[in-house]
Amino acid sequence: MFSVLRFCCFPCRPLSLSLSLHISPKAYGYRILQTLITDLDPDQRVKNAMNEINSSKRLKFAVAERAEGDKILQVRTNVFDAICRAIGCVYQIYC
């Protein structure tokens, strides 16, 4: 008769891991049905791809924020121009 150990399952275990987990404990009267995987270390290519995705998201956000800032600056400049023309003053912007 087998004693049953239950753990949370991560669905995609490598086949060699599944076989070794199935065969080893069987000799001692245990059957492992599910296991909990607490630490995953993906391949370096996967890490690089994830980093690239995150950096592109940050860059996209930064570009949108910069465009919003430029739009606000342009609106403020146009308002300032309109006020100066309305009251008849002359101004000079130094860059």
PDB file of N, CA and C in Angstrom:
ATOM      1  N   MET A   1       0.848  -1.181   0.000  1.00  0.00           N
ATOM      2  CA  MET A   1       0.000   0.000   0.000  1.00  0.00           C
ATOM      3  C   MET A   1       0.891   1.241   0.000  1.00  0.00           C
ATOM      4  N   PHE A   2       0.503   2.235  -0.798  1.00  0.00           N
ATOM      5  CA  PHE A   2       1.293   3.453  -0.951  1.00  0.00           C
ATOM      6  C   PHE A   2       0.783   4.544  -0.024  1.00  0.00           C
ATOM      7  N   SER A   3       1.715   5.261   0.604  1.00  0.00           N
ATOM      8  CA  SER A   3       1.365   6.511   1.282  1.00  0.00           C
ATOM      9  C   SER A   3       1.428   7.601   0.221  1.00  0.00           C
ATOM     10  N   VAL A   4       0.568   8.581   0.320  1.00  0.00           N
ATOM     11  CA  VAL A   4       0.489   9.601  -0.715  1.00  0.00           C
ATOM     12  C   VAL A   4       0.919  10.940  -0.139  1.00  0.00           C
ATOM     13  N   LEU A   5       1.887  11.580  -0.799  1.00  0.00           N
ATOM     14  CA  LEU A   5       2.303  12.932  -0.432  1.00  0.00           C
ATOM     15  C   LEU A   5       1.677  13.890  -1.433  1.00  0.00           C
ATOM     16  N   ARG A   6       1.008  14.894  -0.947  1.00  0.00           N
ATOM     17  CA  ARG A   6       0.387  15.876  -1.833  1.00  0.00           C
ATOM     18  C   ARG A   6       1.066  17.233  -1.658  1.00  0.00           C
ATOM     19  N   PHE A   7       1.397  17.839  -2.756  1.00  0.00           N
ATOM     20  CA  PHE A   7       1.961  19.175  -2.776  1.00  0.00           C
ATOM     21  C   PHE A   7       1.280  19.942  -3.901  1.00  0.00           C
ATOM     22  N   CYS A   8       1.457  21.271  -3.911  1.00  0.00           N
ATOM     23  CA  CYS A   8       0.944  22.051  -5.033  1.00  0.00           C
ATOM     24  C   CYS A   8       1.712  21.678  -6.291  1.00  0.00           C
ATOM     25  N   CYS A   9       1.045  21.761  -7.398  1.00  0.00           N
ATOM     26  CA  CYS A   9       1.651  21.302  -8.651  1.00  0.00           C
ATOM     27  C   CYS A   9       1.987  22.473  -9.557  1.00  0.00           C
ATOM     28  N   PHE A  10       3.117  22.414 -10.171  1.00  0.00           N
ATOM     29  CA  PHE A  10       3.461  23.312 -11.269  1.00  0.00           C
ATOM     30  C   PHE A  10       3.355  22.466 -12.524  1.00  0.00           C
ATOM     31  N   PRO A  11       2.487  22.799 -13.454  1.00  0.00           N
ATOM     32  CA  PRO A  11       2.109  21.868 -14.511  1.00  0.00           C
ATOM     33  C   PRO A  11       3.197  21.447 -15.481  1.00  0.00           C
ATOM     34  N   CYS A  12       4.235  22.229 -15.669  1.00  0.00           N
ATOM     35  CA  CYS A  12       5.185  21.855 -16.718  1.00  0.00           C
ATOM     36  C   CYS A  12       6.536  21.485 -16.124  1.00  0.00           C
ATOM     37  N   ARG A  13       6.640  20.291 -15.619  1.00  0.00           N
ATOM     38  CA  ARG A  13       7.918  19.762 -15.136  1.00  0.00           C
ATOM     39  C   ARG A  13       8.615  19.075 -16.297  1.00  0.00           C
ATOM     40  N   PRO A  14       9.934  19.117 -16.327  1.00  0.00           N
ATOM     41  CA  PRO A  14      10.645  18.354 -17.354  1.00  0.00           C
ATOM     42  C   PRO A  14      10.388  16.858 -17.177  1.00  0.00           C
ATOM     43  N   LEU A  15      10.423  16.126 -18.265  1.00  0.00           N
ATOM     44  CA  LEU A  15      10.121  14.699 -18.238  1.00  0.00           C
ATOM     45  C   LEU A  15      11.097  13.941 -17.344  1.00  0.00           C
ATOM     46  N   SER A  16      12.394  14.281 -17.382  1.00  0.00           N
ATOM     47  CA  SER A  16      13.375  13.580 -16.550  1.00  0.00           C
ATOM     48  C   SER A  16      13.075  13.788 -15.070  1.00  0.00           C
ATOM     49  N   LEU A  17      12.655  15.001 -14.707  1.00  0.00           N
ATOM     50  CA  LEU A  17      12.290  15.274 -13.317  1.00  0.00           C
ATOM     51  C   LEU A  17      11.061  14.465 -12.926  1.00  0.00           C
ATOM     52  N   SER A  18      10.094  14.412 -13.811  1.00  0.00           N
ATOM     53  CA  SER A  18       8.882  13.644 -13.527  1.00  0.00           C
ATOM     54  C   SER A  18       9.204  12.171 -13.322  1.00  0.00           C
ATOM     55  N   LEU A  19      10.056  11.630 -14.168  1.00  0.00           N
ATOM     56  CA  LEU A  19      10.400  10.216 -14.039  1.00  0.00           C
ATOM     57  C   LEU A  19      11.169   9.937 -12.763  1.00  0.00           C
ATOM     58  N   SER A  20      12.135  10.808 -12.434  1.00  0.00           N
ATOM     59  CA  SER A  20      12.912  10.562 -11.220  1.00  0.00           C
ATOM     60  C   SER A  20      12.044  10.731  -9.975  1.00  0.00           C
ATOM     61  N   LEU A  21      11.100  11.673 -10.002  1.00  0.00           N
ATOM     62  CA  LEU A  21      10.201  11.837  -8.864  1.00  0.00           C
ATOM     63  C   LEU A  21       9.219  10.675  -8.751  1.00  0.00           C
ATOM     64  N   HIS A  22       8.940  10.035  -9.854  1.00  0.00           N
ATOM     65  CA  HIS A  22       7.993   8.930  -9.848  1.00  0.00           C
ATOM     66  C   HIS A  22       8.669   7.628  -9.402  1.00  0.00           C
ATOM     67  N   ILE A  23       9.893   7.394  -9.838  1.00  0.00           N
ATOM     68  CA  ILE A  23      10.554   6.109  -9.590  1.00  0.00           C
ATOM     69  C   ILE A  23      11.210   6.053  -8.209  1.00  0.00           C
ATOM     70  N   SER A  24      11.948   7.107  -7.799  1.00  0.00           N
ATOM     71  CA  SER A  24      12.705   7.066  -6.547  1.00  0.00           C
ATOM     72  C   SER A  24      11.858   6.798  -5.310  1.00  0.00           C
ATOM     73  N   PRO A  25      10.813   7.575  -5.046  1.00  0.00           N
ATOM     74  CA  PRO A  25      10.053   7.358  -3.824  1.00  0.00           C
ATOM     75  C   PRO A  25       9.242   6.058  -3.841  1.00  0.00           C
ATOM     76  N   LYS A  26       8.993   5.526  -5.022  1.00  0.00           N
ATOM     77  CA  LYS A  26       8.190   4.314  -5.136  1.00  0.00           C
ATOM     78  C   LYS A  26       8.870   3.154  -4.413  1.00  0.00           C
ATOM     79  N   ALA A  27      10.190   3.158  -4.397  1.00  0.00           N
ATOM     80  CA  ALA A  27      10.928   2.092  -3.717  1.00  0.00           C
ATOM     81  C   ALA A  27      10.691   2.135  -2.208  1.00  0.00           C
ATOM     82  N   TYR A  28      10.326   3.304  -1.685  1.00  0.00           N
ATOM     83  CA  TYR A  28      10.105   3.443  -0.255  1.00  0.00           C
ATOM     84  C   TYR A  28       8.619   3.429   0.116  1.00  0.00           C
ATOM     85  N   GLY A  29       7.764   3.218  -0.853  1.00  0.00           N
ATOM     86  CA  GLY A  29       6.339   3.141  -0.570  1.00  0.00           C
ATOM     87  C   GLY A  29       5.606   4.472  -0.647  1.00  0.00           C
ATOM     88  N   TYR A  30       6.212   5.466  -1.263  1.00  0.00           N
ATOM     89  CA  TYR A  30       5.569   6.766  -1.417  1.00  0.00           C
ATOM     90  C   TYR A  30       5.307   7.037  -2.894  1.00  0.00           C
ATOM     91  N   ARG A  31       4.300   7.848  -3.125  1.00  0.00           N
ATOM     92  CA  ARG A  31       4.001   8.312  -4.473  1.00  0.00           C
ATOM     93  C   ARG A  31       3.834   9.820  -4.417  1.00  0.00           C
ATOM     94  N   ILE A  32       4.597  10.550  -5.194  1.00  0.00           N
ATOM     95  CA  ILE A  32       4.473  12.008  -5.226  1.00  0.00           C
ATOM     96  C   ILE A  32       3.513  12.358  -6.352  1.00  0.00           C
ATOM     97  N   LEU A  33       2.395  12.985  -5.986  1.00  0.00           N
ATOM     98  CA  LEU A  33       1.387  13.342  -6.974  1.00  0.00           C
ATOM     99  C   LEU A  33       1.593  14.751  -7.521  1.00  0.00           C
ATOM    100  N   GLN A  34       1.937  15.662  -6.644  1.00  0.00           N
ATOM    101  CA  GLN A  34       2.136  17.044  -7.054  1.00  0.00           C
ATOM    102  C   GLN A  34       3.283  17.621  -6.244  1.00  0.00           C
ATOM    103  N   THR A  35       4.003  18.576  -6.830  1.00  0.00           N
ATOM    104  CA  THR A  35       5.110  19.210  -6.124  1.00  0.00           C
ATOM    105  C   THR A  35       4.995  20.716  -6.212  1.00  0.00           C
ATOM    106  N   LEU A  36       5.568  21.388  -5.242  1.00  0.00           N
ATOM    107  CA  LEU A  36       5.594  22.841  -5.213  1.00  0.00           C
ATOM    108  C   LEU A  36       6.966  23.304  -5.677  1.00  0.00           C
ATOM    109  N   ILE A  37       6.995  24.155  -6.688  1.00  0.00           N
ATOM    110  CA  ILE A  37       8.247  24.719  -7.169  1.00  0.00           C
ATOM    111  C   ILE A  37       8.319  26.145  -6.637  1.00  0.00           C
ATOM    112  N   THR A  38       9.324  26.425  -5.827  1.00  0.00           N
ATOM    113  CA  THR A  38       9.415  27.729  -5.177  1.00  0.00           C
ATOM    114  C   THR A  38      10.368  28.681  -5.881  1.00  0.00           C
ATOM    115  N   ASP A  39      11.267  28.187  -6.688  1.00  0.00           N
ATOM    116  CA  ASP A  39      12.244  29.055  -7.332  1.00  0.00           C
ATOM    117  C   ASP A  39      12.427  28.619  -8.773  1.00  0.00           C
ATOM    118  N   LEU A  40      12.156  29.533  -9.683  1.00  0.00           N
ATOM    119  CA  LEU A  40      12.348  29.264 -11.103  1.00  0.00           C
ATOM    120  C   LEU A  40      13.474  30.156 -11.602  1.00  0.00           C
ATOM    121  N   ASP A  41      14.393  29.596 -12.320  1.00  0.00           N
ATOM    122  CA  ASP A  41      15.474  30.361 -12.910  1.00  0.00           C
ATOM    123  C   ASP A  41      15.412  30.148 -14.418  1.00  0.00           C
ATOM    124  N   PRO A  42      14.729  31.048 -15.135  1.00  0.00           N
ATOM    125  CA  PRO A  42      14.582  30.854 -16.572  1.00  0.00           C
ATOM    126  C   PRO A  42      15.916  30.992 -17.304  1.00  0.00           C
ATOM    127  N   ASP A  43      15.927  30.533 -18.524  1.00  0.00           N
ATOM    128  CA  ASP A  43      17.095  30.623 -19.379  1.00  0.00           C
ATOM    129  C   ASP A  43      17.503  32.088 -19.555  1.00  0.00           C
ATOM    130  N   GLN A  44      18.767  32.340 -19.806  1.00  0.00           N
ATOM    131  CA  GLN A  44      19.264  33.707 -19.945  1.00  0.00           C
ATOM    132  C   GLN A  44      18.587  34.440 -21.102  1.00  0.00           C
ATOM    133  N   ARG A  45      18.270  33.713 -22.168  1.00  0.00           N
ATOM    134  CA  ARG A  45      17.576  34.348 -23.291  1.00  0.00           C
ATOM    135  C   ARG A  45      16.194  34.842 -22.873  1.00  0.00           C
ATOM    136  N   VAL A  46      15.519  34.073 -22.022  1.00  0.00           N
ATOM    137  CA  VAL A  46      14.203  34.476 -21.534  1.00  0.00           C
ATOM    138  C   VAL A  46      14.334  35.713 -20.648  1.00  0.00           C
ATOM    139  N   LYS A  47      15.342  35.722 -19.779  1.00  0.00           N
ATOM    140  CA  LYS A  47      15.579  36.890 -18.931  1.00  0.00           C
ATOM    141  C   LYS A  47      15.859  38.128 -19.774  1.00  0.00           C
ATOM    142  N   ASN A  48      16.694  37.972 -20.792  1.00  0.00           N
ATOM    143  CA  ASN A  48      17.016  39.100 -21.671  1.00  0.00           C
ATOM    144  C   ASN A  48      15.777  39.612 -22.388  1.00  0.00           C
ATOM    145  N   ALA A  49      14.941  38.689 -22.852  1.00  0.00           N
ATOM    146  CA  ALA A  49      13.711  39.081 -23.540  1.00  0.00           C
ATOM    147  C   ALA A  49      12.776  39.831 -22.592  1.00  0.00           C
ATOM    148  N   MET A  50      12.656  39.353 -21.363  1.00  0.00           N
ATOM    149  CA  MET A  50      11.807  40.027 -20.381  1.00  0.00           C
ATOM    150  C   MET A  50      12.346  41.417 -20.054  1.00  0.00           C
ATOM    151  N   ASN A  51      13.668  41.531 -19.915  1.00  0.00           N
ATOM    152  CA  ASN A  51      14.269  42.836 -19.653  1.00  0.00           C
ATOM    153  C   ASN A  51      14.049  43.794 -20.817  1.00  0.00           C
ATOM    154  N   GLU A  52      14.143  43.278 -22.027  1.00  0.00           N
ATOM    155  CA  GLU A  52      13.915  44.113 -23.209  1.00  0.00           C
ATOM    156  C   GLU A  52      12.471  44.600 -23.265  1.00  0.00           C
ATOM    157  N   ILE A  53      11.538  43.727 -22.946  1.00  0.00           N
ATOM    158  CA  ILE A  53      10.124  44.105 -22.927  1.00  0.00           C
ATOM    159  C   ILE A  53       9.884  45.191 -21.891  1.00  0.00           C
ATOM    160  N   ASN A  54      10.455  45.011 -20.692  1.00  0.00           N
ATOM    161  CA  ASN A  54      10.275  46.008 -19.638  1.00  0.00           C
ATOM    162  C   ASN A  54      10.915  47.336 -20.000  1.00  0.00           C
ATOM    163  N   SER A  55      12.094  47.288 -20.594  1.00  0.00           N
ATOM    164  CA  SER A  55      12.755  48.542 -20.958  1.00  0.00           C
ATOM    165  C   SER A  55      12.000  49.262 -22.074  1.00  0.00           C
ATOM    166  N   SER A  56      11.420  48.507 -23.010  1.00  0.00           N
ATOM    167  CA  SER A  56      10.643  49.158 -24.067  1.00  0.00           C
ATOM    168  C   SER A  56       9.371  49.789 -23.500  1.00  0.00           C
ATOM    169  N   LYS A  57       8.770  49.149 -22.490  1.00  0.00           N
ATOM    170  CA  LYS A  57       7.592  49.749 -21.842  1.00  0.00           C
ATOM    171  C   LYS A  57       7.974  51.045 -21.141  1.00  0.00           C
ATOM    172  N   ARG A  58       9.118  51.031 -20.431  1.00  0.00           N
ATOM    173  CA  ARG A  58       9.562  52.245 -19.740  1.00  0.00           C
ATOM    174  C   ARG A  58       9.888  53.353 -20.733  1.00  0.00           C
ATOM    175  N   LEU A  59      10.531  52.998 -21.850  1.00  0.00           N
ATOM    176  CA  LEU A  59      10.864  53.980 -22.873  1.00  0.00           C
ATOM    177  C   LEU A  59       9.603  54.573 -23.494  1.00  0.00           C
ATOM    178  N   LYS A  60       8.619  53.733 -23.758  1.00  0.00           N
ATOM    179  CA  LYS A  60       7.350  54.193 -24.328  1.00  0.00           C
ATOM    180  C   LYS A  60       6.663  55.171 -23.370  1.00  0.00           C
ATOM    181  N   PHE A  61       6.682  54.848 -22.074  1.00  0.00           N
ATOM    182  CA  PHE A  61       6.091  55.730 -21.073  1.00  0.00           C
ATOM    183  C   PHE A  61       6.846  57.052 -21.011  1.00  0.00           C
ATOM    184  N   ALA A  62       8.177  56.990 -21.063  1.00  0.00           N
ATOM    185  CA  ALA A  62       8.989  58.211 -21.002  1.00  0.00           C
ATOM    186  C   ALA A  62       8.735  59.101 -22.212  1.00  0.00           C
ATOM    187  N   VAL A  63       8.581  58.511 -23.382  1.00  0.00           N
ATOM    188  CA  VAL A  63       8.300  59.286 -24.591  1.00  0.00           C
ATOM    189  C   VAL A  63       6.938  59.969 -24.479  1.00  0.00           C
ATOM    190  N   ALA A  64       5.946  59.236 -23.957  1.00  0.00           N
ATOM    191  CA  ALA A  64       4.611  59.817 -23.791  1.00  0.00           C
ATOM    192  C   ALA A  64       4.648  60.973 -22.786  1.00  0.00           C
ATOM    193  N   GLU A  65       5.382  60.807 -21.693  1.00  0.00           N
ATOM    194  CA  GLU A  65       5.493  61.872 -20.701  1.00  0.00           C
ATOM    195  C   GLU A  65       6.212  63.090 -21.273  1.00  0.00           C
ATOM    196  N   ARG A  66       7.253  62.843 -22.050  1.00  0.00           N
ATOM    197  CA  ARG A  66       7.981  63.953 -22.669  1.00  0.00           C
ATOM    198  C   ARG A  66       7.080  64.710 -23.645  1.00  0.00           C
ATOM    199  N   ALA A  67       6.300  63.991 -24.423  1.00  0.00           N
ATOM    200  CA  ALA A  67       5.383  64.631 -25.368  1.00  0.00           C
ATOM    201  C   ALA A  67       4.331  65.455 -24.628  1.00  0.00           C
ATOM    202  N   GLU A  68       3.838  64.923 -23.513  1.00  0.00           N
ATOM    203  CA  GLU A  68       2.863  65.665 -22.715  1.00  0.00           C
ATOM    204  C   GLU A  68       3.478  66.950 -22.160  1.00  0.00           C
ATOM    205  N   GLY A  69       4.711  66.864 -21.685  1.00  0.00           N
ATOM    206  CA  GLY A  69       5.407  68.048 -21.183  1.00  0.00           C
ATOM    207  C   GLY A  69       5.640  69.081 -22.275  1.00  0.00           C
ATOM    208  N   ASP A  70       6.035  68.627 -23.453  1.00  0.00           N
ATOM    209  CA  ASP A  70       6.235  69.549 -24.579  1.00  0.00           C
ATOM    210  C   ASP A  70       4.929  70.217 -24.988  1.00  0.00           C
ATOM    211  N   LYS A  71       3.843  69.465 -24.933  1.00  0.00           N
ATOM    212  CA  LYS A  71       2.528  70.019 -25.282  1.00  0.00           C
ATOM    213  C   LYS A  71       2.133  71.111 -24.284  1.00  0.00           C
ATOM    214  N   ILE A  72       2.354  70.857 -22.999  1.00  0.00           N
ATOM    215  CA  ILE A  72       2.024  71.848 -21.974  1.00  0.00           C
ATOM    216  C   ILE A  72       2.873  73.099 -22.156  1.00  0.00           C
ATOM    217  N   LEU A  73       4.158  72.907 -22.446  1.00  0.00           N
ATOM    218  CA  LEU A  73       5.053  74.046 -22.669  1.00  0.00           C
ATOM    219  C   LEU A  73       4.597  74.871 -23.870  1.00  0.00           C
ATOM    220  N   GLN A  74       4.195  74.216 -24.935  1.00  0.00           N
ATOM    221  CA  GLN A  74       3.727  74.919 -26.133  1.00  0.00           C
ATOM    222  C   GLN A  74       2.442  75.704 -25.843  1.00  0.00           C
ATOM    223  N   VAL A  75       1.527  75.097 -25.090  1.00  0.00           N
ATOM    224  CA  VAL A  75       0.278  75.790 -24.744  1.00  0.00           C
ATOM    225  C   VAL A  75       0.581  77.016 -23.896  1.00  0.00           C
ATOM    226  N   ARG A  76       1.461  76.883 -22.913  1.00  0.00           N
ATOM    227  CA  ARG A  76       1.815  78.014 -22.048  1.00  0.00           C
ATOM    228  C   ARG A  76       2.460  79.143 -22.860  1.00  0.00           C
ATOM    229  N   THR A  77       3.326  78.764 -23.789  1.00  0.00           N
ATOM    230  CA  THR A  77       3.976  79.770 -24.638  1.00  0.00           C
ATOM    231  C   THR A  77       2.950  80.496 -25.493  1.00  0.00           C
ATOM    232  N   ASN A  78       1.993  79.752 -26.054  1.00  0.00           N
ATOM    233  CA  ASN A  78       0.961  80.376 -26.885  1.00  0.00           C
ATOM    234  C   ASN A  78       0.062  81.299 -26.062  1.00  0.00           C
ATOM    235  N   VAL A  79      -0.251  80.896 -24.848  1.00  0.00           N
ATOM    236  CA  VAL A  79      -1.059  81.748 -23.970  1.00  0.00           C
ATOM    237  C   VAL A  79      -0.289  83.023 -23.637  1.00  0.00           C
ATOM    238  N   PHE A  80       0.981  82.882 -23.337  1.00  0.00           N
ATOM    239  CA  PHE A  80       1.815  84.041 -23.042  1.00  0.00           C
ATOM    240  C   PHE A  80       1.884  84.978 -24.244  1.00  0.00           C
ATOM    241  N   ASP A  81       2.048  84.420 -25.442  1.00  0.00           N
ATOM    242  CA  ASP A  81       2.053  85.229 -26.671  1.00  0.00           C
ATOM    243  C   ASP A  81       0.750  86.001 -26.817  1.00  0.00           C
ATOM    244  N   ALA A  82      -0.352  85.317 -26.617  1.00  0.00           N
ATOM    245  CA  ALA A  82      -1.658  85.948 -26.790  1.00  0.00           C
ATOM    246  C   ALA A  82      -1.858  87.075 -25.786  1.00  0.00           C
ATOM    247  N   ILE A  83      -1.439  86.866 -24.550  1.00  0.00           N
ATOM    248  CA  ILE A  83      -1.588  87.913 -23.527  1.00  0.00           C
ATOM    249  C   ILE A  83      -0.719  89.113 -23.865  1.00  0.00           C
ATOM    250  N   CYS A  84       0.517  88.841 -24.287  1.00  0.00           N
ATOM    251  CA  CYS A  84       1.423  89.945 -24.631  1.00  0.00           C
ATOM    252  C   CYS A  84       0.906  90.743 -25.827  1.00  0.00           C
ATOM    253  N   ARG A  85       0.364  90.074 -26.814  1.00  0.00           N
ATOM    254  CA  ARG A  85      -0.188  90.793 -27.963  1.00  0.00           C
ATOM    255  C   ARG A  85      -1.419  91.598 -27.567  1.00  0.00           C
ATOM    256  N   ALA A  86      -2.210  91.053 -26.639  1.00  0.00           N
ATOM    257  CA  ALA A  86      -3.416  91.749 -26.221  1.00  0.00           C
ATOM    258  C   ALA A  86      -3.089  93.031 -25.462  1.00  0.00           C
ATOM    259  N   ILE A  87      -2.045  93.000 -24.655  1.00  0.00           N
ATOM    260  CA  ILE A  87      -1.713  94.207 -23.902  1.00  0.00           C
ATOM    261  C   ILE A  87      -0.642  95.046 -24.592  1.00  0.00           C
ATOM    262  N   GLY A  88      -0.114  94.562 -25.707  1.00  0.00           N
ATOM    263  CA  GLY A  88       0.802  95.345 -26.521  1.00  0.00           C
ATOM    264  C   GLY A  88       2.227  95.403 -26.012  1.00  0.00           C
ATOM    265  N   CYS A  89       2.680  94.384 -25.320  1.00  0.00           N
ATOM    266  CA  CYS A  89       4.058  94.400 -24.837  1.00  0.00           C
ATOM    267  C   CYS A  89       4.967  93.629 -25.790  1.00  0.00           C
ATOM    268  N   VAL A  90       6.246  93.880 -25.653  1.00  0.00           N
ATOM    269  CA  VAL A  90       7.246  93.192 -26.454  1.00  0.00           C
ATOM    270  C   VAL A  90       8.101  92.365 -25.513  1.00  0.00           C
ATOM    271  N   TYR A  91       8.349  91.154 -25.881  1.00  0.00           N
ATOM    272  CA  TYR A  91       9.178  90.289 -25.027  1.00  0.00           C
ATOM    273  C   TYR A  91      10.185  89.562 -25.893  1.00  0.00           C
ATOM    274  N   GLN A  92      11.190  89.053 -25.252  1.00  0.00           N
ATOM    275  CA  GLN A  92      12.207  88.305 -25.964  1.00  0.00           C
ATOM    276  C   GLN A  92      12.526  87.054 -25.129  1.00  0.00           C
ATOM    277  N   ILE A  93      12.526  85.890 -25.778  1.00  0.00           N
ATOM    278  CA  ILE A  93      12.815  84.638 -25.086  1.00  0.00           C
ATOM    279  C   ILE A  93      14.255  84.270 -25.383  1.00  0.00           C
ATOM    280  N   TYR A  94      15.015  84.029 -24.325  1.00  0.00           N
ATOM    281  CA  TYR A  94      16.393  83.600 -24.486  1.00  0.00           C
ATOM    282  C   TYR A  94      16.469  82.105 -24.313  1.00  0.00           C
ATOM    283  N   CYS A  95      17.118  81.449 -25.234  1.00  0.00           N
ATOM    284  CA  CYS A  95      17.251  79.999 -25.157  1.00  0.00           C
ATOM    285  C   CYS A  95      18.637  79.632 -24.690  1.00  0.00           C
TER     286      CYS A  95
END
